[in-house]
Amino acid sequence: MEVQIATNPTQLKSYISGSWTQGEGENLKVFSPYNGSLIGEGPLASESQIKEAISSASEAQKSWAQTPIKERTRVMFELRRILLAEQDEITHLKCSESGKTFPEGKAGLMKGIEVLEYALSLQNLDIGGRLEVSRGVSCEYRREPLGVVSCITPFNFPAMVPMWTLPITLTLGNAVIWKPSEKTPLTALKLADCFERAGLPKGLLSVVLGKKEAVEEICDNEQVQAISFVGSTNVAKSVYQRGTAHGKRVLALGGAKNHIVLLPDASEDISGVGISDSFTGCAGQRCMAASVLLAVGDVEGHILKIKERAQSLELGSTMGAIITKEQVDFLKGAIDDAVAAGAKVLLDGRESSMPSALEGGYWIGPTILDHIKPGSIAATKELFGPIISIIRCKDISEAMKIQNSSEYGNACSVFTSSGPAAEKVVSMAQAGMVGVNVGVPVPREPFSFGGVSASKFGHGDITGSHSLDFWSNLKKVTVKWEKQNDNNWMS
């Protein structure tokens, strides 16, 4: 389906304390990566407006925390109904500002709804628990919200990543300050409208449009108890350091340089599609994209299949756009640098064409670079585009040495027909998420999402059961009512 792009720019407003509020900061302009047209404009929230949102959230959260979890989930059930009913409208909006194809945009939204469904299940899970630990003495867990928390989300998944965090933390009884990427604010404001119509009490969710200064205010504000962040490693590390310096709980997911180990015994049909779709999906603008192919032995037939699949994609139809013109220029420069360093170009995205109606957009086609040297920029730096670098390896051990030398640890995959070979890669890979014959090893709920090393700062994961301890506290209660005649420990 062709992405529908609005012809009249949306007037941007922050959603503060349950009201649509004109910002008081600098003016923001949002351009569609598809054709470069202006699709949104308006002022950012000021520091005082962000403080107001946080203060209002603190007051609203007090009564929300006293609301039974089954009542909180009623809002989430209605939110799910609204999102499903309006999924096409939301998808067109998010694609128009993020550059995704329509199927990619819808898939991201549905993954977000999957996490929402996990949040709905919390009302039926035993997230407390009581046990008689000694004669006449019982201990129990009580899961309690933190208060005001914040979610800082990226441009590349403007609906999915917020839906990883907002439903869970709100269902647990928190209030949320959401700072979306300034590149994709339209989706955030649409989702805020959906929460409002679902019946979420005023003040529990504020969407503040802002840039670096907004993030700094969130990190510094003493009323914010926890922060989740998804973005580049440099910013993730900065947010983690600044937030924790103020005593906050911070989980900051950073960048990646994901490796795929390709073995000769792999199915050419499975590996050709899986590896190509991994590095070209979302135009390579996702932290789970394959960016290094560790080619072990004779895999020329496999690489030919990868190339055939990639070069069959059509810009604007089966492959989306790059978020900004500056990023396109950066990617073209990275290809130039790799060629100058001795790389062989098997597929050159710099020469790709697009429909004339999209010539004002930001485009680059799939690119395959062969004979990349380990340790080079193309082999180690996150490029964030549809580029895959092939490093030739003599065996699995050499391949895994390269993979484990990376500063990142987000994802690793292997394509093979051998169980023992697959297990060797799974065991050796220093990555938080590992796939076997899967190019994008994103876990499904309730299995949680998260990497290691420079791909994550903080502890735990951002989704699934491992997210519950991040967004709440466990109160431990020990109770004794009567004196026991036969004493034992703690009785």
Protein backbone atom coordinates (compact mmCIF):
# COMPACT_ATOMS: atom_id res chain seq x y z
CA MET A 1 0.00 0.00 0.00
CA GLU A 2 1.28 3.48 -0.90
CA VAL A 3 2.03 5.68 2.11
CA GLN A 4 -0.34 8.63 2.39
CA ILE A 5 1.42 11.90 3.17
CA ALA A 6 -0.57 14.88 4.39
CA THR A 7 -0.44 17.95 2.17
CA ASN A 8 -1.19 20.39 4.99
CA PRO A 9 1.34 20.55 7.85
CA THR A 10 0.07 19.56 11.29
CA GLN A 11 0.29 22.29 13.92
CA LEU A 12 2.38 20.72 16.67
CA LYS A 13 1.40 21.00 20.33
CA SER A 14 2.67 19.20 23.38
CA TYR A 15 0.22 17.18 25.48
CA ILE A 16 0.74 18.47 29.03
CA SER A 17 -1.33 17.59 32.07
CA GLY A 18 -4.17 16.29 29.91
CA SER A 19 -4.35 19.42 27.71
CA TRP A 20 -3.05 20.22 24.23
CA THR A 21 -0.60 23.00 24.92
CA GLN A 22 1.17 25.42 22.59
CA GLY A 23 4.90 25.26 23.21
CA GLU A 24 6.97 28.24 24.29
CA GLY A 25 10.32 27.13 22.89
CA GLU A 26 12.02 27.19 19.49
CA ASN A 27 10.05 26.34 16.37
CA LEU A 28 10.25 22.75 15.12
CA LYS A 29 9.72 21.68 11.50
CA VAL A 30 9.10 18.07 10.52
CA PHE A 31 9.81 16.91 6.96
CA SER A 32 8.70 13.66 5.34
CA PRO A 33 11.66 11.48 4.28
CA TYR A 34 9.52 10.31 1.35
CA ASN A 35 9.40 13.58 -0.57
CA GLY A 36 10.96 16.23 1.67
CA SER A 37 7.66 18.03 2.20
CA LEU A 38 6.82 19.91 5.40
CA ILE A 39 4.31 17.79 7.37
CA GLY A 40 4.45 19.36 10.83
CA GLU A 41 5.44 22.62 12.50
CA GLY A 42 5.19 24.18 15.93
CA PRO A 43 7.12 25.34 19.00
CA LEU A 44 8.82 22.95 21.40
CA ALA A 45 7.89 22.79 25.07
CA SER A 46 9.82 25.15 27.32
CA GLU A 47 11.66 24.20 30.49
CA SER A 48 8.86 25.63 32.63
CA GLN A 49 6.26 23.63 30.69
CA ILE A 50 8.21 20.41 31.23
CA LYS A 51 8.42 21.19 34.94
CA GLU A 52 4.66 21.77 34.96
CA ALA A 53 4.08 18.39 33.26
CA ILE A 54 6.24 16.61 35.84
CA SER A 55 4.57 18.35 38.77
CA SER A 56 1.11 17.55 37.44
CA ALA A 57 2.13 13.93 36.87
CA SER A 58 3.28 13.65 40.48
CA GLU A 59 -0.13 14.74 41.75
CA ALA A 60 -2.12 12.57 39.34
CA GLN A 61 -0.04 9.49 40.15
CA LYS A 62 -0.98 9.49 43.82
CA SER A 63 -4.61 8.51 43.17
CA TRP A 64 -3.65 6.28 40.22
CA ALA A 65 -1.40 4.26 42.52
CA GLN A 66 -4.41 3.59 44.77
CA THR A 67 -6.51 2.40 41.82
CA PRO A 68 -6.78 -1.42 41.64
CA ILE A 69 -4.79 -2.91 38.79
CA LYS A 70 -7.92 -4.39 37.22
CA GLU A 71 -9.32 -0.87 36.90
CA ARG A 72 -6.08 0.41 35.39
CA THR A 73 -6.18 -2.31 32.76
CA ARG A 74 -9.65 -1.23 31.64
CA VAL A 75 -7.98 1.80 30.08
CA MET A 76 -5.46 -0.45 28.33
CA PHE A 77 -8.21 -2.72 26.95
CA GLU A 78 -9.93 0.31 25.44
CA LEU A 79 -6.59 1.59 24.12
CA ARG A 80 -6.05 -1.73 22.36
CA ARG A 81 -9.49 -1.47 20.74
CA ILE A 82 -8.75 2.05 19.49
CA LEU A 83 -5.30 1.14 18.13
CA LEU A 84 -6.66 -1.85 16.22
CA ALA A 85 -9.56 0.17 14.82
CA GLU A 86 -7.27 2.99 13.67
CA GLN A 87 -4.17 0.98 12.76
CA ASP A 88 -4.12 2.06 9.11
CA GLU A 89 -4.41 5.76 9.98
CA ILE A 90 -1.66 5.46 12.57
CA THR A 91 0.53 3.49 10.17
CA HIS A 92 0.26 6.08 7.38
CA LEU A 93 1.15 8.82 9.85
CA LYS A 94 4.17 7.05 11.31
CA CYS A 95 5.46 6.04 7.87
CA SER A 96 5.11 9.57 6.51
CA GLU A 97 7.48 10.93 9.17
CA SER A 98 9.82 7.94 9.70
CA GLY A 99 10.24 6.79 6.09
CA LYS A 100 9.03 3.20 6.59
CA THR A 101 7.02 1.24 4.06
CA PHE A 102 3.40 0.63 4.99
CA PRO A 103 3.92 -3.08 5.87
CA GLU A 104 6.91 -2.18 8.06
CA GLY A 105 4.95 0.53 9.79
CA LYS A 106 2.00 -1.75 10.50
CA ALA A 107 4.28 -4.55 11.73
CA GLY A 108 5.93 -2.16 14.21
CA LEU A 109 2.55 -1.05 15.53
CA MET A 110 1.40 -4.65 15.93
CA LYS A 111 4.57 -5.51 17.87
CA GLY A 112 3.76 -2.59 20.16
CA ILE A 113 0.23 -3.91 20.62
CA GLU A 114 1.74 -7.29 21.52
CA VAL A 115 3.54 -5.65 24.45
CA LEU A 116 0.31 -3.86 25.36
CA GLU A 117 -1.34 -7.29 25.54
CA TYR A 118 1.39 -8.42 27.94
CA ALA A 119 0.59 -5.39 30.11
CA LEU A 120 -3.07 -6.46 30.08
CA SER A 121 -2.04 -9.86 31.45
CA LEU A 122 -0.48 -8.31 34.56
CA GLN A 123 -3.85 -8.22 36.28
CA ASN A 124 -3.96 -12.02 36.16
CA LEU A 125 -0.36 -12.72 37.09
CA ASP A 126 0.83 -13.36 40.63
CA ILE A 127 3.14 -10.36 40.85
CA GLY A 128 3.11 -10.45 44.63
CA GLY A 129 3.02 -13.68 46.60
CA ARG A 130 2.69 -14.75 50.24
CA LEU A 131 4.30 -17.63 52.13
CA GLU A 132 4.37 -18.85 55.75
CA VAL A 133 8.11 -18.74 56.29
CA SER A 134 8.07 -19.81 59.93
CA ARG A 135 5.42 -21.01 62.37
CA GLY A 136 3.01 -18.09 62.80
CA VAL A 137 5.11 -15.81 60.59
CA SER A 138 4.34 -14.91 56.94
CA CYS A 139 6.22 -12.92 54.34
CA GLU A 140 4.77 -11.37 51.20
CA TYR A 141 5.72 -9.24 48.22
CA ARG A 142 3.77 -6.12 47.28
CA ARG A 143 4.65 -4.56 43.95
CA GLU A 144 4.35 -0.78 44.16
CA PRO A 145 4.82 1.93 41.50
CA LEU A 146 7.79 4.30 41.53
CA GLY A 147 5.85 7.54 40.93
CA VAL A 148 6.78 9.72 37.95
CA VAL A 149 8.91 8.04 35.28
CA SER A 150 10.04 9.09 31.82
CA CYS A 151 10.36 7.40 28.43
CA ILE A 152 12.66 8.92 25.80
CA THR A 153 12.06 7.27 22.43
CA PRO A 154 13.75 7.25 18.98
CA PHE A 155 12.63 8.20 15.48
CA ASN A 156 12.98 4.79 13.86
CA PHE A 157 10.09 3.11 15.71
CA PRO A 158 7.83 6.00 16.73
CA ALA A 159 4.93 3.72 17.78
CA MET A 160 6.56 0.40 18.71
CA VAL A 161 9.20 1.56 21.20
CA PRO A 162 6.80 3.78 23.20
CA MET A 163 4.39 0.85 23.34
CA TRP A 164 7.20 -1.23 24.86
CA THR A 165 7.16 1.02 27.90
CA LEU A 166 4.00 3.12 28.29
CA PRO A 167 1.42 0.32 28.81
CA ILE A 168 3.54 -1.59 31.32
CA THR A 169 4.61 1.35 33.43
CA LEU A 170 1.12 2.90 33.46
CA THR A 171 -0.51 -0.43 34.33
CA LEU A 172 1.91 -0.76 37.24
CA GLY A 173 0.60 2.57 38.60
CA ASN A 174 3.16 5.14 37.44
CA ALA A 175 2.71 8.47 35.67
CA VAL A 176 4.80 9.05 32.54
CA ILE A 177 6.60 11.96 30.90
CA TRP A 178 7.21 10.93 27.30
CA LYS A 179 9.83 12.75 25.21
CA PRO A 180 9.60 11.44 21.63
CA SER A 181 12.19 12.09 18.95
CA GLU A 182 11.85 15.57 17.50
CA LYS A 183 12.05 13.88 14.06
CA THR A 184 8.80 11.94 14.61
CA PRO A 185 6.46 13.87 16.93
CA LEU A 186 3.27 13.32 14.91
CA THR A 187 2.93 9.66 15.89
CA ALA A 188 3.51 10.51 19.53
CA LEU A 189 0.74 13.08 19.56
CA LYS A 190 -1.62 10.66 17.81
CA LEU A 191 -0.91 8.00 20.44
CA ALA A 192 -1.47 10.55 23.22
CA ASP A 193 -4.86 11.24 21.70
CA CYS A 194 -5.59 7.49 21.74
CA PHE A 195 -4.66 7.25 25.44
CA GLU A 196 -6.89 10.23 26.19
CA ARG A 197 -9.87 8.72 24.37
CA ALA A 198 -9.23 5.40 26.10
CA GLY A 199 -10.00 7.13 29.41
CA LEU A 200 -6.56 7.61 30.93
CA PRO A 201 -6.96 10.15 33.77
CA LYS A 202 -5.49 13.59 33.10
CA GLY A 203 -1.92 14.19 34.13
CA LEU A 204 -0.81 10.56 34.00
CA LEU A 205 0.70 10.93 30.53
CA SER A 206 2.37 14.04 29.16
CA VAL A 207 4.08 14.22 25.77
CA VAL A 208 6.67 16.99 25.75
CA LEU A 209 8.17 17.97 22.40
CA GLY A 210 11.80 18.85 22.83
CA LYS A 211 15.43 18.23 22.06
CA LYS A 212 18.57 17.86 24.19
CA GLU A 213 17.47 20.45 26.74
CA ALA A 214 14.25 18.52 27.44
CA VAL A 215 16.23 15.34 28.07
CA GLU A 216 18.53 17.19 30.45
CA GLU A 217 15.58 18.59 32.42
CA ILE A 218 14.10 15.09 32.73
CA CYS A 219 17.44 13.69 33.91
CA ASP A 220 17.90 16.47 36.47
CA ASN A 221 14.35 16.79 37.83
CA GLU A 222 14.16 15.28 41.30
CA GLN A 223 10.53 14.18 40.87
CA VAL A 224 11.40 11.79 38.02
CA GLN A 225 12.27 8.42 39.53
CA ALA A 226 13.20 6.32 36.48
CA ILE A 227 14.11 6.84 32.81
CA SER A 228 14.08 4.53 29.82
CA PHE A 229 15.95 5.60 26.70
CA VAL A 230 16.40 4.09 23.23
CA GLY A 231 18.79 5.70 20.76
CA SER A 232 22.47 5.97 19.85
CA THR A 233 25.14 4.67 22.19
CA ASN A 234 26.75 8.04 22.83
CA VAL A 235 23.46 9.60 23.94
CA ALA A 236 22.42 6.45 25.84
CA LYS A 237 25.62 6.59 27.85
CA SER A 238 25.16 10.31 28.53
CA VAL A 239 21.55 9.83 29.69
CA TYR A 240 22.59 6.92 31.91
CA GLN A 241 25.41 8.88 33.53
CA ARG A 242 23.38 12.04 34.04
CA GLY A 243 20.30 10.26 35.33
CA THR A 244 22.10 7.94 37.72
CA ALA A 245 24.18 10.86 39.01
CA HIS A 246 20.86 12.21 40.32
CA GLY A 247 19.98 8.88 41.92
CA LYS A 248 17.53 7.76 39.25
CA ARG A 249 16.91 4.30 37.90
CA VAL A 250 18.02 4.36 34.22
CA LEU A 251 17.83 1.77 31.46
CA ALA A 252 19.35 3.19 28.26
CA LEU A 253 19.52 1.10 25.10
CA GLY A 254 22.18 2.18 22.64
CA GLY A 255 23.41 1.27 19.17
CA ALA A 256 24.56 -1.95 17.59
CA LYS A 257 26.84 -3.57 15.04
CA ASN A 258 25.09 -6.90 14.55
CA HIS A 259 26.88 -9.86 13.00
CA ILE A 260 25.52 -12.79 11.01
CA VAL A 261 27.62 -15.93 10.70
CA LEU A 262 26.92 -17.64 7.34
CA LEU A 263 28.01 -21.26 6.96
CA PRO A 264 28.20 -23.24 3.69
CA ASP A 265 25.61 -25.79 4.79
CA ALA A 266 22.90 -23.14 5.25
CA SER A 267 19.85 -23.19 3.01
CA GLU A 268 20.48 -20.66 0.25
CA ASP A 269 16.78 -19.84 0.02
CA ILE A 270 16.46 -19.20 3.77
CA SER A 271 19.72 -17.29 4.12
CA GLY A 272 19.22 -15.24 0.97
CA VAL A 273 15.89 -13.84 2.12
CA GLY A 274 16.71 -13.71 5.85
CA ILE A 275 20.01 -11.88 5.53
CA SER A 276 18.86 -9.50 2.79
CA ASP A 277 15.70 -8.55 4.67
CA SER A 278 17.72 -8.06 7.84
CA PHE A 279 19.98 -5.36 6.42
CA THR A 280 17.45 -3.73 4.09
CA GLY A 281 14.34 -3.80 6.31
CA CYS A 282 13.42 -0.34 7.61
CA ALA A 283 16.20 0.84 5.26
CA GLY A 284 18.67 -0.54 7.80
CA GLN A 285 17.52 2.00 10.39
CA ARG A 286 16.99 -0.37 13.30
CA CYS A 287 19.24 -1.62 16.07
CA MET A 288 18.53 -5.23 15.04
CA ALA A 289 19.67 -4.85 11.42
CA ALA A 290 22.50 -7.07 10.22
CA SER A 291 25.48 -4.92 9.29
CA VAL A 292 28.37 -7.42 9.17
CA LEU A 293 28.23 -10.78 7.36
CA LEU A 294 30.87 -13.20 8.60
CA ALA A 295 31.18 -15.47 5.56
CA VAL A 296 32.74 -18.80 6.52
CA GLY A 297 34.14 -20.88 3.66
CA ASP A 298 32.55 -21.14 0.23
CA VAL A 299 29.23 -19.30 0.43
CA GLU A 300 29.24 -17.63 -2.99
CA GLY A 301 25.86 -19.08 -3.91
CA HIS A 302 24.37 -17.72 -0.70
CA ILE A 303 25.78 -14.25 -1.32
CA LEU A 304 24.36 -14.29 -4.85
CA LYS A 305 20.90 -15.03 -3.37
CA ILE A 306 21.33 -12.17 -0.88
CA LYS A 307 22.25 -9.80 -3.72
CA GLU A 308 19.35 -10.94 -5.91
CA ARG A 309 16.87 -10.38 -3.11
CA ALA A 310 18.29 -6.97 -2.20
CA GLN A 311 18.49 -5.62 -5.75
CA SER A 312 14.88 -6.65 -6.40
CA LEU A 313 13.64 -4.06 -3.88
CA GLU A 314 12.07 -0.87 -5.20
CA LEU A 315 12.64 2.40 -3.35
CA GLY A 316 9.38 3.92 -2.20
CA SER A 317 7.53 0.63 -2.63
CA THR A 318 9.31 -2.33 -1.01
CA MET A 319 12.02 -0.31 0.72
CA GLY A 320 11.63 2.89 2.67
CA ALA A 321 13.50 6.16 2.96
CA ILE A 322 16.36 7.43 5.12
CA ILE A 323 15.34 9.80 7.92
CA THR A 324 17.30 12.90 6.77
CA LYS A 325 19.33 14.16 3.83
CA GLU A 326 22.32 14.50 6.17
CA GLN A 327 22.14 10.78 6.94
CA VAL A 328 22.03 9.95 3.22
CA ASP A 329 25.17 12.03 2.70
CA PHE A 330 26.83 10.25 5.62
CA LEU A 331 25.99 6.80 4.22
CA LYS A 332 27.29 7.69 0.76
CA GLY A 333 30.47 8.97 2.35
CA ALA A 334 30.85 5.73 4.32
CA ILE A 335 30.58 3.72 1.09
CA ASP A 336 33.17 5.97 -0.56
CA ASP A 337 35.53 5.47 2.39
CA ALA A 338 35.11 1.67 2.30
CA VAL A 339 35.89 1.57 -1.41
CA ALA A 340 38.97 3.71 -0.86
CA ALA A 341 40.06 1.23 1.82
CA GLY A 342 39.86 -1.69 -0.64
CA ALA A 343 36.27 -2.93 -0.43
CA LYS A 344 34.61 -4.48 -3.47
CA VAL A 345 31.09 -3.18 -4.14
CA LEU A 346 28.75 -6.06 -5.04
CA LEU A 347 25.64 -3.86 -4.98
CA ASP A 348 25.80 -0.07 -5.04
CA GLY A 349 22.90 1.80 -3.44
CA ARG A 350 24.31 5.14 -4.49
CA GLU A 351 23.10 4.41 -8.02
CA SER A 352 19.54 3.43 -7.11
CA SER A 353 16.63 5.30 -8.65
CA MET A 354 13.25 6.20 -7.22
CA PRO A 355 9.92 7.39 -8.65
CA SER A 356 10.00 11.00 -9.84
CA ALA A 357 7.34 11.94 -7.28
CA LEU A 358 9.78 11.04 -4.51
CA GLU A 359 12.89 12.79 -5.85
CA GLY A 360 12.70 15.37 -3.09
CA GLY A 361 13.02 12.62 -0.47
CA TYR A 362 16.00 11.02 1.20
CA TRP A 363 16.97 7.79 -0.52
CA ILE A 364 19.77 5.29 -0.87
CA GLY A 365 19.48 1.71 -2.08
CA PRO A 366 20.77 -1.57 -0.64
CA THR A 367 24.56 -1.79 -0.66
CA ILE A 368 26.76 -4.88 -0.29
CA LEU A 369 30.46 -4.36 0.44
CA ASP A 370 32.76 -7.40 0.12
CA HIS A 371 36.24 -8.12 1.45
CA ILE A 372 35.93 -5.70 4.34
CA LYS A 373 38.86 -5.84 6.74
CA PRO A 374 38.21 -6.56 10.44
CA GLY A 375 38.73 -3.42 12.52
CA SER A 376 37.90 -1.07 9.64
CA ILE A 377 35.22 1.62 9.95
CA ALA A 378 32.78 -0.36 7.80
CA ALA A 379 33.32 -3.37 10.06
CA THR A 380 33.03 -1.64 13.42
CA LYS A 381 31.02 1.59 13.21
CA GLU A 382 27.21 1.63 13.27
CA LEU A 383 26.22 3.19 9.93
CA PHE A 384 22.42 2.94 10.38
CA GLY A 385 21.49 2.36 6.78
CA PRO A 386 20.95 -0.46 4.23
CA ILE A 387 24.61 -1.44 4.04
CA ILE A 388 26.10 -4.84 4.84
CA SER A 389 29.84 -5.50 5.05
CA ILE A 390 31.17 -8.97 4.25
CA ILE A 391 34.23 -10.23 6.13
CA ARG A 392 35.70 -13.51 4.89
CA CYS A 393 36.49 -16.05 7.64
CA LYS A 394 38.10 -19.47 7.56
CA ASP A 395 36.03 -21.01 10.37
CA ILE A 396 33.49 -20.36 13.13
CA SER A 397 36.19 -19.61 15.71
CA GLU A 398 37.61 -16.79 13.59
CA ALA A 399 34.12 -15.45 12.94
CA MET A 400 33.23 -15.43 16.63
CA LYS A 401 36.51 -13.75 17.53
CA ILE A 402 35.50 -10.90 15.23
CA GLN A 403 31.96 -10.79 16.62
CA ASN A 404 33.13 -10.75 20.21
CA SER A 405 35.67 -7.99 19.54
CA SER A 406 32.83 -5.54 18.88
CA GLU A 407 32.10 -2.91 21.51
CA TYR A 408 28.41 -3.63 20.97
CA GLY A 409 26.45 -6.67 22.06
CA ASN A 410 22.94 -6.31 20.75
CA ALA A 411 22.35 -9.24 18.39
CA CYS A 412 24.07 -12.06 16.53
CA SER A 413 22.66 -14.71 14.19
CA VAL A 414 23.89 -17.84 12.44
CA PHE A 415 22.59 -19.46 9.26
CA THR A 416 23.32 -23.18 9.12
CA SER A 417 21.74 -26.64 8.87
CA SER A 418 23.97 -28.00 11.63
CA GLY A 419 22.67 -28.11 15.19
CA PRO A 420 26.14 -28.38 16.77
CA ALA A 421 27.43 -25.47 14.67
CA ALA A 422 24.43 -23.36 15.63
CA GLU A 423 24.92 -24.19 19.30
CA LYS A 424 28.59 -23.21 19.06
CA VAL A 425 27.65 -19.75 17.79
CA VAL A 426 24.84 -19.36 20.33
CA SER A 427 27.19 -20.32 23.16
CA MET A 428 30.09 -18.14 22.04
CA ALA A 429 28.19 -15.04 20.98
CA GLN A 430 28.58 -12.09 23.34
CA ALA A 431 25.20 -10.61 22.54
CA GLY A 432 21.91 -10.17 24.35
CA MET A 433 19.81 -11.63 21.50
CA VAL A 434 20.87 -14.52 19.28
CA GLY A 435 19.12 -16.08 16.28
CA VAL A 436 19.43 -19.36 14.39
CA ASN A 437 18.34 -18.99 10.74
CA VAL A 438 16.61 -15.77 11.84
CA GLY A 439 18.02 -12.50 10.48
CA VAL A 440 16.28 -10.25 13.02
CA PRO A 441 16.21 -12.16 16.34
CA VAL A 442 13.72 -9.94 18.17
CA PRO A 443 12.13 -11.96 20.99
CA ARG A 444 8.35 -12.23 21.14
CA GLU A 445 6.50 -11.44 24.35
CA PRO A 446 6.86 -12.39 27.14
CA PHE A 447 10.56 -12.86 26.28
CA SER A 448 12.29 -9.57 26.90
CA PHE A 449 14.27 -7.26 24.61
CA GLY A 450 17.78 -6.03 25.40
CA GLY A 451 21.45 -6.26 24.50
CA VAL A 452 24.71 -6.17 26.46
CA SER A 453 27.97 -4.20 26.46
CA ALA A 454 27.74 -0.80 24.71
CA SER A 455 24.24 -1.67 23.46
CA LYS A 456 22.78 -1.24 26.94
CA PHE A 457 23.50 0.87 30.00
CA GLY A 458 21.72 -0.27 33.14
CA HIS A 459 20.33 -3.59 34.29
CA GLY A 460 17.37 -5.69 33.20
CA ASP A 461 15.45 -5.47 29.94
CA ILE A 462 12.93 -3.00 28.61
CA THR A 463 10.05 -5.42 27.95
CA GLY A 464 8.62 -8.67 29.33
CA SER A 465 8.76 -9.89 32.91
CA HIS A 466 12.25 -8.44 33.36
CA SER A 467 10.85 -4.94 32.90
CA LEU A 468 8.55 -5.19 35.94
CA ASP A 469 11.32 -4.76 38.50
CA PHE A 470 12.60 -1.71 36.65
CA TRP A 471 9.24 0.10 36.70
CA SER A 472 8.24 -0.80 40.26
CA ASN A 473 9.49 -1.53 43.76
CA LEU A 474 8.97 -4.71 45.73
CA LYS A 475 7.86 -4.09 49.29
CA LYS A 476 8.56 -7.05 51.56
CA VAL A 477 6.10 -7.45 54.44
CA THR A 478 6.68 -9.79 57.39
CA VAL A 479 3.68 -10.44 59.70
CA LYS A 480 3.19 -12.17 63.06
CA TRP A 481 -0.09 -12.08 65.04
CA GLU A 482 0.20 -14.60 67.87
CA LYS A 483 2.82 -15.90 70.25
CA GLN A 484 3.77 -19.48 69.50
CA ASN A 485 4.38 -22.03 72.27
CA ASP A 486 6.90 -24.00 70.22
CA ASN A 487 9.50 -21.48 69.15
CA ASN A 488 11.53 -21.85 65.99
CA TRP A 489 13.40 -19.35 63.84
CA MET A 490 11.72 -15.89 63.76
CA SER A 491 8.65 -17.15 65.59
